[in-house]
C-alpha atoms as a PDB file:
ATOM      1  CA  MET A   1      12.872  -1.211  -3.840  1.00  0.00           C
ATOM      2  CA  THR A   2      16.017   1.037  -2.986  1.00  0.00           C
ATOM      3  CA  LYS A   3      18.090   2.638  -6.122  1.00  0.00           C
ATOM      4  CA  SER A   4      21.866   1.440  -5.613  1.00  0.00           C
ATOM      5  CA  THR A   5      24.487   3.722  -5.627  1.00  0.00           C
ATOM      6  CA  GLU A   6      27.900   3.575  -7.780  1.00  0.00           C
ATOM      7  CA  GLY A   7      29.813   1.146  -5.285  1.00  0.00           C
ATOM      8  CA  ASP A   8      26.636  -0.950  -4.513  1.00  0.00           C
ATOM      9  CA  LYS A   9      25.587  -4.261  -6.354  1.00  0.00           C
ATOM     10  CA  PRO A  10      22.254  -3.598  -7.831  1.00  0.00           C
ATOM     11  CA  SER A  11      20.029  -6.169  -5.755  1.00  0.00           C
ATOM     12  CA  SER A  12      18.918  -9.021  -8.015  1.00  0.00           C
ATOM     13  CA  GLY A  13      15.123 -10.659  -7.584  1.00  0.00           C
ATOM     14  CA  PHE A  14      12.473 -10.485  -5.326  1.00  0.00           C
ATOM     15  CA  ASN A  15      13.190  -9.490  -1.407  1.00  0.00           C
ATOM     16  CA  PRO A  16       9.957 -10.260   0.444  1.00  0.00           C
ATOM     17  CA  THR A  17      11.226  -9.020   3.726  1.00  0.00           C
ATOM     18  CA  GLU A  18      12.764  -5.900   2.354  1.00  0.00           C
ATOM     19  CA  PHE A  19       9.161  -5.380   0.311  1.00  0.00           C
ATOM     20  CA  PHE A  20       6.993  -5.684   3.356  1.00  0.00           C
ATOM     21  CA  ARG A  21       9.009  -3.135   5.166  1.00  0.00           C
ATOM     22  CA  GLU A  22       8.928  -0.546   2.648  1.00  0.00           C
ATOM     23  CA  THR A  23       5.216  -1.191   2.582  1.00  0.00           C
ATOM     24  CA  LYS A  24       5.244  -0.425   5.618  1.00  0.00           C
ATOM     25  CA  GLU A  25       7.553   2.685   5.435  1.00  0.00           C
ATOM     26  CA  GLU A  26       4.801   3.773   3.055  1.00  0.00           C
ATOM     27  CA  LEU A  27       2.082   3.255   4.988  1.00  0.00           C
ATOM     28  CA  ASN A  28       3.169   5.514   7.863  1.00  0.00           C
ATOM     29  CA  LYS A  29       3.225   8.150   5.507  1.00  0.00           C
ATOM     30  CA  VAL A  30      -0.456   8.219   4.507  1.00  0.00           C
ATOM     31  CA  VAL A  31      -2.288  10.797   6.198  1.00  0.00           C
ATOM     32  CA  TRP A  32      -5.405   8.703   7.105  1.00  0.00           C
ATOM     33  CA  PRO A  33      -8.714  10.563   7.146  1.00  0.00           C
ATOM     34  CA  ASP A  34     -10.805  11.256  10.173  1.00  0.00           C
ATOM     35  CA  ARG A  35     -14.361   9.707  10.578  1.00  0.00           C
ATOM     36  CA  GLN A  36     -16.602  12.444  10.003  1.00  0.00           C
ATOM     37  CA  ARG A  37     -14.418  13.220   6.889  1.00  0.00           C
ATOM     38  CA  LEU A  38     -14.440   9.461   6.056  1.00  0.00           C
ATOM     39  CA  ILE A  39     -18.159   9.018   6.312  1.00  0.00           C
ATOM     40  CA  GLY A  40     -18.716  12.096   4.130  1.00  0.00           C
ATOM     41  CA  GLU A  41     -16.919  11.268   1.620  1.00  0.00           C
ATOM     42  CA  SER A  42     -18.140   7.869   1.101  1.00  0.00           C
ATOM     43  CA  ALA A  43     -21.729   9.284   1.075  1.00  0.00           C
ATOM     44  CA  ALA A  44     -20.640  11.549  -1.864  1.00  0.00           C
ATOM     45  CA  VAL A  45     -19.340   8.274  -3.328  1.00  0.00           C
ATOM     46  CA  ILE A  46     -22.431   6.471  -3.029  1.00  0.00           C
ATOM     47  CA  LEU A  47     -24.613   9.535  -3.900  1.00  0.00           C
ATOM     48  CA  ILE A  48     -22.859   9.849  -7.306  1.00  0.00           C
ATOM     49  CA  VAL A  49     -22.909   6.492  -8.583  1.00  0.00           C
ATOM     50  CA  SER A  50     -26.457   6.206  -7.351  1.00  0.00           C
ATOM     51  CA  LEU A  51     -27.339   9.313  -9.651  1.00  0.00           C
ATOM     52  CA  SER A  52     -25.270   8.323 -12.671  1.00  0.00           C
ATOM     53  CA  ALA A  53     -26.968   4.670 -12.398  1.00  0.00           C
ATOM     54  CA  VAL A  54     -30.412   6.852 -12.466  1.00  0.00           C
ATOM     55  CA  VAL A  55     -29.097   8.545 -15.372  1.00  0.00           C
ATOM     56  CA  ILE A  56     -28.382   5.035 -17.334  1.00  0.00           C
ATOM     57  CA  TYR A  57     -30.911   3.387 -16.875  1.00  0.00           C
ATOM     58  CA  LEU A  58     -33.347   6.682 -17.913  1.00  0.00           C
ATOM     59  CA  VAL A  59     -31.205   7.130 -21.120  1.00  0.00           C
ATOM     60  CA  ASP A  60     -31.657   3.291 -21.488  1.00  0.00           C
ATOM     61  CA  GLU A  61     -35.117   3.750 -21.215  1.00  0.00           C
ATOM     62  CA  LEU A  62     -35.510   6.462 -23.738  1.00  0.00           C
ATOM     63  CA  PHE A  63     -33.503   4.554 -26.318  1.00  0.00           C
ATOM     64  CA  ARG A  64     -36.066   1.525 -25.640  1.00  0.00           C
ATOM     65  CA  TRP A  65     -38.990   3.725 -26.080  1.00  0.00           C
ATOM     66  CA  LEU A  66     -37.234   5.396 -29.467  1.00  0.00           C
ATOM     67  CA  ALA A  67     -36.085   1.804 -30.857  1.00  0.00           C
ATOM     68  CA  LYS A  68     -39.836   0.874 -30.183  1.00  0.00           C
ATOM     69  CA  LEU A  69     -41.349   3.584 -32.167  1.00  0.00           C
ATOM     70  CA  ILE A  70     -38.708   3.056 -34.999  1.00  0.00           C
ATOM     71  CA  PHE A  71     -38.574  -0.463 -35.447  1.00  0.00           C
END
């Protein structure tokens, strides 16, 4: 919301109209990625998540195997 100066009264409560207007102003400031960059970064995220899942699975299987040996 907007800051009040000394002469203004502070606004009380939530004003949906002002909220959506300010939200639109902020979204207009966003620099949206082009299609190529979006695809590249999405692929990188999917790759990292997949690799992390595989590592967690392998560590889990290692601990499962060790637990069978010990217990």
